[in-house]
Amino acid sequence: MTELVIAVLILLVVGPVILACYFGVAFARQARKAARLRSREPDEPPAR
């Protein structure tokens, strides 16, 4: 029984982290693509 509880806790902790990483990568890729289409310039890292 405790193994099941530990597995559920791990899923509750790790699941949102994986989803956040996935959506973050997808969003960054989409934003980069949109910026490239908008500016029509070669890729440059944004000046910080």
N, C-alpha and C. Protein backbone atom coordinates (compact mmCIF):
# COMPACT_ATOMS: atom_id res chain seq x y z
N MET A 1 0.83 -1.21 0.00
CA MET A 1 0.00 0.00 0.00
C MET A 1 0.87 1.25 0.00
N THR A 2 1.94 1.24 0.78
CA THR A 2 2.79 2.44 0.83
C THR A 2 3.47 2.67 -0.51
N GLU A 3 3.80 1.61 -1.23
CA GLU A 3 4.41 1.79 -2.55
C GLU A 3 3.47 2.53 -3.48
N LEU A 4 2.17 2.23 -3.40
CA LEU A 4 1.19 2.90 -4.24
C LEU A 4 1.11 4.38 -3.90
N VAL A 5 1.11 4.67 -2.59
CA VAL A 5 1.06 6.06 -2.16
C VAL A 5 2.29 6.83 -2.64
N ILE A 6 3.46 6.21 -2.51
CA ILE A 6 4.71 6.86 -2.94
C ILE A 6 4.67 7.09 -4.46
N ALA A 7 4.20 6.09 -5.21
CA ALA A 7 4.13 6.24 -6.66
C ALA A 7 3.19 7.38 -7.04
N VAL A 8 2.04 7.49 -6.37
CA VAL A 8 1.09 8.57 -6.66
C VAL A 8 1.71 9.91 -6.33
N LEU A 9 2.41 10.00 -5.20
CA LEU A 9 3.05 11.27 -4.83
C LEU A 9 4.11 11.66 -5.86
N ILE A 10 4.89 10.69 -6.31
CA ILE A 10 5.92 10.98 -7.31
C ILE A 10 5.26 11.48 -8.60
N LEU A 11 4.18 10.82 -9.01
CA LEU A 11 3.49 11.26 -10.22
C LEU A 11 2.93 12.66 -10.05
N LEU A 12 2.38 12.96 -8.88
CA LEU A 12 1.81 14.30 -8.65
C LEU A 12 2.90 15.36 -8.69
N VAL A 13 4.10 15.01 -8.22
CA VAL A 13 5.19 16.00 -8.21
C VAL A 13 5.83 16.11 -9.59
N VAL A 14 6.11 14.96 -10.23
CA VAL A 14 6.88 14.97 -11.47
C VAL A 14 6.02 15.32 -12.67
N GLY A 15 4.76 14.93 -12.68
CA GLY A 15 3.88 15.18 -13.81
C GLY A 15 3.81 16.65 -14.20
N PRO A 16 3.44 17.54 -13.27
CA PRO A 16 3.38 18.97 -13.61
C PRO A 16 4.72 19.53 -14.07
N VAL A 17 5.83 19.05 -13.49
CA VAL A 17 7.14 19.54 -13.91
C VAL A 17 7.41 19.18 -15.36
N ILE A 18 7.11 17.92 -15.73
CA ILE A 18 7.32 17.49 -17.12
C ILE A 18 6.42 18.28 -18.05
N LEU A 19 5.16 18.47 -17.66
CA LEU A 19 4.25 19.24 -18.50
C LEU A 19 4.74 20.67 -18.66
N ALA A 20 5.22 21.27 -17.58
CA ALA A 20 5.70 22.65 -17.64
C ALA A 20 6.91 22.74 -18.57
N CYS A 21 7.83 21.78 -18.48
CA CYS A 21 9.00 21.78 -19.36
C CYS A 21 8.56 21.64 -20.81
N TYR A 22 7.63 20.72 -21.07
CA TYR A 22 7.18 20.49 -22.44
C TYR A 22 6.52 21.73 -23.02
N PHE A 23 5.59 22.33 -22.24
CA PHE A 23 4.89 23.51 -22.74
C PHE A 23 5.85 24.70 -22.86
N GLY A 24 6.81 24.79 -21.96
CA GLY A 24 7.80 25.87 -22.06
C GLY A 24 8.61 25.75 -23.33
N VAL A 25 9.06 24.54 -23.66
CA VAL A 25 9.84 24.35 -24.89
C VAL A 25 8.98 24.64 -26.11
N ALA A 26 7.74 24.14 -26.12
CA ALA A 26 6.86 24.36 -27.27
C ALA A 26 6.57 25.85 -27.43
N PHE A 27 6.32 26.54 -26.31
CA PHE A 27 6.01 27.97 -26.38
C PHE A 27 7.21 28.76 -26.87
N ALA A 28 8.40 28.42 -26.39
CA ALA A 28 9.60 29.13 -26.82
C ALA A 28 9.83 28.91 -28.32
N ARG A 29 9.63 27.67 -28.77
CA ARG A 29 9.82 27.39 -30.19
C ARG A 29 8.82 28.19 -31.02
N GLN A 30 7.56 28.22 -30.58
CA GLN A 30 6.53 28.95 -31.32
C GLN A 30 6.85 30.44 -31.35
N ALA A 31 7.27 31.00 -30.22
CA ALA A 31 7.57 32.42 -30.15
C ALA A 31 8.76 32.75 -31.05
N ARG A 32 9.77 31.88 -31.05
CA ARG A 32 10.94 32.12 -31.90
C ARG A 32 10.53 32.10 -33.37
N LYS A 33 9.68 31.12 -33.72
CA LYS A 33 9.24 31.02 -35.11
C LYS A 33 8.44 32.26 -35.50
N ALA A 34 7.55 32.72 -34.63
CA ALA A 34 6.76 33.91 -34.92
C ALA A 34 7.65 35.14 -35.06
N ALA A 35 8.63 35.27 -34.19
CA ALA A 35 9.53 36.43 -34.25
C ALA A 35 10.33 36.40 -35.54
N ARG A 36 10.77 35.20 -35.95
CA ARG A 36 11.55 35.10 -37.18
C ARG A 36 10.67 35.49 -38.38
N LEU A 37 9.42 35.02 -38.37
CA LEU A 37 8.54 35.36 -39.48
C LEU A 37 8.25 36.86 -39.50
N ARG A 38 8.11 37.45 -38.32
CA ARG A 38 7.76 38.87 -38.24
C ARG A 38 8.93 39.75 -38.69
N SER A 39 10.14 39.42 -38.25
CA SER A 39 11.28 40.31 -38.51
C SER A 39 11.97 39.98 -39.84
N ARG A 40 11.86 38.70 -40.30
CA ARG A 40 12.54 38.29 -41.53
C ARG A 40 14.03 38.58 -41.47
N GLU A 41 14.63 38.34 -40.30
CA GLU A 41 16.07 38.55 -40.13
C GLU A 41 16.70 37.23 -39.71
N PRO A 42 18.01 37.06 -39.89
CA PRO A 42 18.66 35.84 -39.40
C PRO A 42 18.56 35.74 -37.88
N ASP A 43 18.64 34.52 -37.41
CA ASP A 43 18.48 34.27 -35.98
C ASP A 43 19.59 34.94 -35.17
N GLU A 44 19.20 35.68 -34.18
CA GLU A 44 20.15 36.27 -33.24
C GLU A 44 19.58 36.11 -31.84
N PRO A 45 20.44 35.83 -30.88
CA PRO A 45 19.92 35.80 -29.50
C PRO A 45 19.50 37.19 -29.07
N PRO A 46 18.38 37.32 -28.37
CA PRO A 46 17.94 38.65 -27.95
C PRO A 46 18.96 39.31 -27.02
N ALA A 47 19.15 40.59 -27.21
CA ALA A 47 20.10 41.31 -26.35
C ALA A 47 19.49 41.49 -24.97
N ARG A 48 20.26 41.13 -23.96
CA ARG A 48 19.72 41.24 -22.60
C ARG A 48 20.46 42.35 -21.87
